[in-house]
PDB file of N, CA and C in Angstrom:
ATOM      1  N   MET A   1      78.905 119.092  99.561  1.00  0.00           N
ATOM      2  CA  MET A   1      80.287 118.690  99.796  1.00  0.00           C
ATOM      3  C   MET A   1      80.425 117.183  99.611  1.00  0.00           C
ATOM      4  N   ALA A   2      81.481 116.756  98.970  1.00  0.00           N
ATOM      5  CA  ALA A   2      81.700 115.337  98.705  1.00  0.00           C
ATOM      6  C   ALA A   2      82.054 114.602  99.994  1.00  0.00           C
ATOM      7  N   THR A   3      81.641 113.365 100.036  1.00  0.00           N
ATOM      8  CA  THR A   3      81.970 112.509 101.169  1.00  0.00           C
ATOM      9  C   THR A   3      83.459 112.204 101.145  1.00  0.00           C
ATOM     10  N   VAL A   4      84.105 112.342 102.271  1.00  0.00           N
ATOM     11  CA  VAL A   4      85.492 111.928 102.404  1.00  0.00           C
ATOM     12  C   VAL A   4      85.549 110.972 103.584  1.00  0.00           C
ATOM     13  N   ALA A   5      85.948 109.742 103.293  1.00  0.00           N
ATOM     14  CA  ALA A   5      86.078 108.737 104.344  1.00  0.00           C
ATOM     15  C   ALA A   5      87.428 108.917 105.036  1.00  0.00           C
ATOM     16  N   LYS A   6      87.455 108.595 106.316  1.00  0.00           N
ATOM     17  CA  LYS A   6      88.715 108.561 107.062  1.00  0.00           C
ATOM     18  C   LYS A   6      88.942 107.115 107.444  1.00  0.00           C
ATOM     19  N   VAL A   7      90.065 106.564 106.988  1.00  0.00           N
ATOM     20  CA  VAL A   7      90.379 105.167 107.240  1.00  0.00           C
ATOM     21  C   VAL A   7      91.557 105.101 108.200  1.00  0.00           C
ATOM     22  N   TYR A   8      91.322 104.497 109.346  1.00  0.00           N
ATOM     23  CA  TYR A   8      92.368 104.321 110.360  1.00  0.00           C
ATOM     24  C   TYR A   8      92.983 102.949 110.152  1.00  0.00           C
ATOM     25  N   VAL A   9      94.299 102.917 109.937  1.00  0.00           N
ATOM     26  CA  VAL A   9      94.996 101.704 109.531  1.00  0.00           C
ATOM     27  C   VAL A   9      96.277 101.513 110.345  1.00  0.00           C
ATOM     28  N   THR A  10      96.904 100.343 110.135  1.00  0.00           N
ATOM     29  CA  THR A  10      98.292 100.129 110.551  1.00  0.00           C
ATOM     30  C   THR A  10      99.064  99.689 109.311  1.00  0.00           C
ATOM     31  N   SER A  11     100.360  99.714 109.402  1.00  0.00           N
ATOM     32  CA  SER A  11     101.219  99.426 108.245  1.00  0.00           C
ATOM     33  C   SER A  11     101.153  97.970 107.789  1.00  0.00           C
ATOM     34  N   THR A  12     100.812  97.060 108.678  1.00  0.00           N
ATOM     35  CA  THR A  12     100.892  95.632 108.360  1.00  0.00           C
ATOM     36  C   THR A  12      99.530  94.944 108.267  1.00  0.00           C
ATOM     37  N   CYS A  13      98.449  95.713 108.235  1.00  0.00           N
ATOM     38  CA  CYS A  13      97.102  95.153 108.284  1.00  0.00           C
ATOM     39  C   CYS A  13      96.576  94.843 106.882  1.00  0.00           C
ATOM     40  N   PRO A  14      96.376  93.555 106.547  1.00  0.00           N
ATOM     41  CA  PRO A  14      95.871  93.218 105.214  1.00  0.00           C
ATOM     42  C   PRO A  14      94.431  93.696 104.985  1.00  0.00           C
ATOM     43  N   PHE A  15      93.628  93.725 106.029  1.00  0.00           N
ATOM     44  CA  PHE A  15      92.245  94.185 105.872  1.00  0.00           C
ATOM     45  C   PHE A  15      92.192  95.687 105.632  1.00  0.00           C
ATOM     46  N   CYS A  16      93.183  96.408 106.173  1.00  0.00           N
ATOM     47  CA  CYS A  16      93.285  97.853 105.918  1.00  0.00           C
ATOM     48  C   CYS A  16      93.561  98.089 104.436  1.00  0.00           C
ATOM     49  N   THR A  17      94.466  97.299 103.880  1.00  0.00           N
ATOM     50  CA  THR A  17      94.763  97.404 102.445  1.00  0.00           C
ATOM     51  C   THR A  17      93.534  97.074 101.623  1.00  0.00           C
ATOM     52  N   MET A  18      92.793  96.058 102.030  1.00  0.00           N
ATOM     53  CA  MET A  18      91.567  95.704 101.319  1.00  0.00           C
ATOM     54  C   MET A  18      90.566  96.868 101.348  1.00  0.00           C
ATOM     55  N   MET A  19      90.457  97.528 102.490  1.00  0.00           N
ATOM     56  CA  MET A  19      89.517  98.643 102.614  1.00  0.00           C
ATOM     57  C   MET A  19      89.948  99.813 101.737  1.00  0.00           C
ATOM     58  N   THR A  20      91.210 100.209 101.804  1.00  0.00           N
ATOM     59  CA  THR A  20      91.646 101.347 100.993  1.00  0.00           C
ATOM     60  C   THR A  20      91.566 101.019  99.504  1.00  0.00           C
ATOM     61  N   ASN A  21      91.861  99.781  99.128  1.00  0.00           N
ATOM     62  CA  ASN A  21      91.716  99.379  97.724  1.00  0.00           C
ATOM     63  C   ASN A  21      90.258  99.460  97.292  1.00  0.00           C
ATOM     64  N   TYR A  22      89.348  99.008  98.141  1.00  0.00           N
ATOM     65  CA  TYR A  22      87.918  99.049  97.834  1.00  0.00           C
ATOM     66  C   TYR A  22      87.455 100.494  97.625  1.00  0.00           C
ATOM     67  N   LEU A  23      87.848 101.384  98.523  1.00  0.00           N
ATOM     68  CA  LEU A  23      87.460 102.782  98.408  1.00  0.00           C
ATOM     69  C   LEU A  23      88.020 103.387  97.125  1.00  0.00           C
ATOM     70  N   HIS A  24      89.276 103.090  96.834  1.00  0.00           N
ATOM     71  CA  HIS A  24      89.913 103.620  95.630  1.00  0.00           C
ATOM     72  C   HIS A  24      89.200 103.105  94.369  1.00  0.00           C
ATOM     73  N   GLU A  25      88.948 101.798  94.321  1.00  0.00           N
ATOM     74  CA  GLU A  25      88.307 101.181  93.152  1.00  0.00           C
ATOM     75  C   GLU A  25      86.889 101.701  92.934  1.00  0.00           C
ATOM     76  N   ASN A  26      86.235 102.169  94.007  1.00  0.00           N
ATOM     77  CA  ASN A  26      84.867 102.672  93.906  1.00  0.00           C
ATOM     78  C   ASN A  26      84.804 104.192  93.894  1.00  0.00           C
ATOM     79  N   ASN A  27      85.965 104.822  93.666  1.00  0.00           N
ATOM     80  CA  ASN A  27      86.050 106.280  93.546  1.00  0.00           C
ATOM     81  C   ASN A  27      85.464 107.017  94.750  1.00  0.00           C
ATOM     82  N   ILE A  28      85.706 106.465  95.932  1.00  0.00           N
ATOM     83  CA  ILE A  28      85.269 107.095  97.180  1.00  0.00           C
ATOM     84  C   ILE A  28      86.493 107.805  97.766  1.00  0.00           C
ATOM     85  N   PRO A  29      86.458 109.145  97.841  1.00  0.00           N
ATOM     86  CA  PRO A  29      87.617 109.863  98.382  1.00  0.00           C
ATOM     87  C   PRO A  29      87.866 109.468  99.840  1.00  0.00           C
ATOM     88  N   PHE A  30      89.129 109.307 100.178  1.00  0.00           N
ATOM     89  CA  PHE A  30      89.437 108.936 101.565  1.00  0.00           C
ATOM     90  C   PHE A  30      90.771 109.499 101.994  1.00  0.00           C
ATOM     91  N   GLU A  31      90.878 109.632 103.301  1.00  0.00           N
ATOM     92  CA  GLU A  31      92.113 110.038 103.966  1.00  0.00           C
ATOM     93  C   GLU A  31      92.545 108.850 104.809  1.00  0.00           C
ATOM     94  N   THR A  32      93.821 108.536 104.767  1.00  0.00           N
ATOM     95  CA  THR A  32      94.356 107.430 105.553  1.00  0.00           C
ATOM     96  C   THR A  32      95.085 107.976 106.766  1.00  0.00           C
ATOM     97  N   ILE A  33      94.756 107.435 107.934  1.00  0.00           N
ATOM     98  CA  ILE A  33      95.439 107.805 109.174  1.00  0.00           C
ATOM     99  C   ILE A  33      96.064 106.536 109.742  1.00  0.00           C
ATOM    100  N   ASN A  34      97.383 106.522 109.826  1.00  0.00           N
ATOM    101  CA  ASN A  34      98.092 105.346 110.315  1.00  0.00           C
ATOM    102  C   ASN A  34      98.269 105.465 111.829  1.00  0.00           C
ATOM    103  N   VAL A  35      97.496 104.680 112.567  1.00  0.00           N
ATOM    104  CA  VAL A  35      97.545 104.753 114.037  1.00  0.00           C
ATOM    105  C   VAL A  35      98.788 104.069 114.603  1.00  0.00           C
ATOM    106  N   GLN A  36      99.511 103.376 113.760  1.00  0.00           N
ATOM    107  CA  GLN A  36     100.755 102.760 114.195  1.00  0.00           C
ATOM    108  C   GLN A  36     101.852 103.824 114.324  1.00  0.00           C
ATOM    109  N   THR A  37     101.768 104.853 113.488  1.00  0.00           N
ATOM    110  CA  THR A  37     102.783 105.900 113.513  1.00  0.00           C
ATOM    111  C   THR A  37     102.281 107.200 114.134  1.00  0.00           C
ATOM    112  N   ASP A  38     100.971 107.322 114.312  1.00  0.00           N
ATOM    113  CA  ASP A  38     100.377 108.527 114.899  1.00  0.00           C
ATOM    114  C   ASP A  38      99.697 108.148 116.210  1.00  0.00           C
ATOM    115  N   ARG A  39     100.456 108.203 117.276  1.00  0.00           N
ATOM    116  CA  ARG A  39      99.980 107.774 118.606  1.00  0.00           C
ATOM    117  C   ARG A  39      98.758 108.582 119.056  1.00  0.00           C
ATOM    118  N   GLN A  40      98.775 109.879 118.802  1.00  0.00           N
ATOM    119  CA  GLN A  40      97.662 110.733 119.216  1.00  0.00           C
ATOM    120  C   GLN A  40      96.366 110.318 118.502  1.00  0.00           C
ATOM    121  N   ALA A  41      96.466 109.994 117.222  1.00  0.00           N
ATOM    122  CA  ALA A  41      95.291 109.540 116.479  1.00  0.00           C
ATOM    123  C   ALA A  41      94.795 108.203 117.021  1.00  0.00           C
ATOM    124  N   ALA A  42      95.721 107.339 117.420  1.00  0.00           N
ATOM    125  CA  ALA A  42      95.346 106.035 117.975  1.00  0.00           C
ATOM    126  C   ALA A  42      94.559 106.205 119.269  1.00  0.00           C
ATOM    127  N   VAL A  43      95.035 107.069 120.133  1.00  0.00           N
ATOM    128  CA  VAL A  43      94.355 107.310 121.408  1.00  0.00           C
ATOM    129  C   VAL A  43      92.965 107.895 121.167  1.00  0.00           C
ATOM    130  N   LYS A  44      92.877 108.868 120.278  1.00  0.00           N
ATOM    131  CA  LYS A  44      91.589 109.502 119.974  1.00  0.00           C
ATOM    132  C   LYS A  44      90.611 108.488 119.376  1.00  0.00           C
ATOM    133  N   LEU A  45      91.111 107.609 118.515  1.00  0.00           N
ATOM    134  CA  LEU A  45      90.260 106.592 117.896  1.00  0.00           C
ATOM    135  C   LEU A  45      89.649 105.674 118.948  1.00  0.00           C
ATOM    136  N   VAL A  46      90.463 105.193 119.864  1.00  0.00           N
ATOM    137  CA  VAL A  46      89.966 104.295 120.912  1.00  0.00           C
ATOM    138  C   VAL A  46      88.976 105.032 121.817  1.00  0.00           C
ATOM    139  N   GLU A  47      89.268 106.285 122.121  1.00  0.00           N
ATOM    140  CA  GLU A  47      88.339 107.072 122.943  1.00  0.00           C
ATOM    141  C   GLU A  47      87.003 107.271 122.231  1.00  0.00           C
ATOM    142  N   THR A  48      87.032 107.420 120.918  1.00  0.00           N
ATOM    143  CA  THR A  48      85.830 107.688 120.136  1.00  0.00           C
ATOM    144  C   THR A  48      84.978 106.437 119.933  1.00  0.00           C
ATOM    145  N   THR A  49      85.630 105.331 119.553  1.00  0.00           N
ATOM    146  CA  THR A  49      84.875 104.123 119.176  1.00  0.00           C
ATOM    147  C   THR A  49      84.908 103.020 120.223  1.00  0.00           C
ATOM    148  N   GLY A  50      85.888 103.063 121.121  1.00  0.00           N
ATOM    149  CA  GLY A  50      86.032 101.995 122.093  1.00  0.00           C
ATOM    150  C   GLY A  50      86.639 100.735 121.493  1.00  0.00           C
ATOM    151  N   GLN A  51      87.081 100.831 120.252  1.00  0.00           N
ATOM    152  CA  GLN A  51      87.651  99.676 119.546  1.00  0.00           C
ATOM    153  C   GLN A  51      89.139  99.890 119.304  1.00  0.00           C
ATOM    154  N   THR A  52      89.904  98.794 119.372  1.00  0.00           N
ATOM    155  CA  THR A  52      91.337  98.908 119.119  1.00  0.00           C
ATOM    156  C   THR A  52      91.745  98.304 117.784  1.00  0.00           C
ATOM    157  N   GLY A  53      90.874  97.523 117.157  1.00  0.00           N
ATOM    158  CA  GLY A  53      91.211  96.880 115.892  1.00  0.00           C
ATOM    159  C   GLY A  53      91.133  97.850 114.727  1.00  0.00           C
ATOM    160  N   VAL A  54      91.775  97.482 113.632  1.00  0.00           N
ATOM    161  CA  VAL A  54      91.718  98.255 112.397  1.00  0.00           C
ATOM    162  C   VAL A  54      91.411  97.297 111.242  1.00  0.00           C
ATOM    163  N   PRO A  55      90.908  97.760 110.143  1.00  0.00           N
ATOM    164  CA  PRO A  55      90.610  99.148 109.865  1.00  0.00           C
ATOM    165  C   PRO A  55      89.319  99.607 110.544  1.00  0.00           C
ATOM    166  N   GLN A  56      89.285 100.889 110.823  1.00  0.00           N
ATOM    167  CA  GLN A  56      88.063 101.560 111.250  1.00  0.00           C
ATOM    168  C   GLN A  56      87.895 102.724 110.292  1.00  0.00           C
ATOM    169  N   THR A  57      86.700 102.842 109.733  1.00  0.00           N
ATOM    170  CA  THR A  57      86.469 103.849 108.709  1.00  0.00           C
ATOM    171  C   THR A  57      85.277 104.700 109.102  1.00  0.00           C
ATOM    172  N   GLU A  58      85.478 106.022 109.088  1.00  0.00           N
ATOM    173  CA  GLU A  58      84.395 106.952 109.390  1.00  0.00           C
ATOM    174  C   GLU A  58      83.886 107.546 108.084  1.00  0.00           C
ATOM    175  N   ILE A  59      82.584 107.387 107.846  1.00  0.00           N
ATOM    176  CA  ILE A  59      81.944 107.929 106.647  1.00  0.00           C
ATOM    177  C   ILE A  59      80.642 108.593 107.084  1.00  0.00           C
ATOM    178  N   ASN A  60      80.522 109.875 106.822  1.00  0.00           N
ATOM    179  CA  ASN A  60      79.302 110.610 107.180  1.00  0.00           C
ATOM    180  C   ASN A  60      78.938 110.452 108.656  1.00  0.00           C
ATOM    181  N   GLY A  61      79.957 110.419 109.519  1.00  0.00           N
ATOM    182  CA  GLY A  61      79.705 110.290 110.952  1.00  0.00           C
ATOM    183  C   GLY A  61      79.368 108.884 111.411  1.00  0.00           C
ATOM    184  N   LYS A  62      79.372 107.927 110.498  1.00  0.00           N
ATOM    185  CA  LYS A  62      79.109 106.521 110.845  1.00  0.00           C
ATOM    186  C   LYS A  62      80.423 105.755 110.796  1.00  0.00           C
ATOM    187  N   TRP A  63      80.522 104.761 111.669  1.00  0.00           N
ATOM    188  CA  TRP A  63      81.750 103.971 111.753  1.00  0.00           C
ATOM    189  C   TRP A  63      81.554 102.597 111.144  1.00  0.00           C
ATOM    190  N   VAL A  64      82.515 102.194 110.328  1.00  0.00           N
ATOM    191  CA  VAL A  64      82.562 100.856 109.747  1.00  0.00           C
ATOM    192  C   VAL A  64      83.771 100.175 110.371  1.00  0.00           C
ATOM    193  N   LEU A  65      83.535  99.057 111.030  1.00  0.00           N
ATOM    194  CA  LEU A  65      84.621  98.312 111.676  1.00  0.00           C
ATOM    195  C   LEU A  65      85.027  97.150 110.785  1.00  0.00           C
ATOM    196  N   GLY A  66      86.321  97.027 110.551  1.00  0.00           N
ATOM    197  CA  GLY A  66      86.817  95.960 109.696  1.00  0.00           C
ATOM    198  C   GLY A  66      86.576  96.272 108.227  1.00  0.00           C
ATOM    199  N   PHE A  67      86.807  95.272 107.386  1.00  0.00           N
ATOM    200  CA  PHE A  67      86.558  95.419 105.953  1.00  0.00           C
ATOM    201  C   PHE A  67      85.144  94.931 105.688  1.00  0.00           C
ATOM    202  N   ASP A  68      84.243  95.867 105.463  1.00  0.00           N
ATOM    203  CA  ASP A  68      82.822  95.555 105.307  1.00  0.00           C
ATOM    204  C   ASP A  68      82.219  96.435 104.206  1.00  0.00           C
ATOM    205  N   PRO A  69      82.342  95.996 102.941  1.00  0.00           N
ATOM    206  CA  PRO A  69      81.839  96.802 101.820  1.00  0.00           C
ATOM    207  C   PRO A  69      80.356  97.154 101.937  1.00  0.00           C
ATOM    208  N   ASP A  70      79.531  96.248 102.451  1.00  0.00           N
ATOM    209  CA  ASP A  70      78.102  96.532 102.596  1.00  0.00           C
ATOM    210  C   ASP A  70      77.876  97.688 103.571  1.00  0.00           C
ATOM    211  N   ALA A  71      78.619  97.710 104.662  1.00  0.00           N
ATOM    212  CA  ALA A  71      78.490  98.785 105.641  1.00  0.00           C
ATOM    213  C   ALA A  71      78.996 100.108 105.050  1.00  0.00           C
ATOM    214  N   VAL A  72      80.009 100.050 104.203  1.00  0.00           N
ATOM    215  CA  VAL A  72      80.494 101.265 103.545  1.00  0.00           C
ATOM    216  C   VAL A  72      79.396 101.848 102.668  1.00  0.00           C
ATOM    217  N   GLN A  73      78.756 101.005 101.868  1.00  0.00           N
ATOM    218  CA  GLN A  73      77.693 101.475 100.985  1.00  0.00           C
ATOM    219  C   GLN A  73      76.522 102.044 101.786  1.00  0.00           C
ATOM    220  N   GLU A  74      76.211 101.431 102.898  1.00  0.00           N
ATOM    221  CA  GLU A  74      75.130 101.921 103.761  1.00  0.00           C
ATOM    222  C   GLU A  74      75.482 103.300 104.348  1.00  0.00           C
ATOM    223  N   ALA A  75      76.725 103.450 104.788  1.00  0.00           N
ATOM    224  CA  ALA A  75      77.165 104.719 105.366  1.00  0.00           C
ATOM    225  C   ALA A  75      77.172 105.837 104.320  1.00  0.00           C
ATOM    226  N   LEU A  76      77.432 105.491 103.086  1.00  0.00           N
ATOM    227  CA  LEU A  76      77.459 106.489 102.017  1.00  0.00           C
ATOM    228  C   LEU A  76      76.088 107.071 101.752  1.00  0.00           C
ATOM    229  N   LYS A  77      75.044 106.337 102.106  1.00  0.00           N
ATOM    230  CA  LYS A  77      73.671 106.815 101.894  1.00  0.00           C
ATOM    231  C   LYS A  77      73.329 107.981 102.807  1.00  0.00           C
ATOM    232  N   GLY A  78      74.151 108.176 103.831  1.00  0.00           N
ATOM    233  CA  GLY A  78      73.922 109.329 104.717  1.00  0.00           C
ATOM    234  C   GLY A  78      73.242 108.998 105.921  1.00  0.00           C
TER     235      GLY A  78
END
């Protein structure tokens, strides 16, 4: 099964845009979850990671906090 990243974002976050652009440019499939408009997802995210900042990206069960291309590549390794 192909890796699908889940990117938790807000509408006004420039680093979120950088992350989704990076994933798109590197042909990494992803789903975007906007925690600014989805309150339930926001609560679940904080409960899961303990972090309130975005972007937060889940890849293969690993979490990447912020825009961190090196951490994305590491998470893709499994």
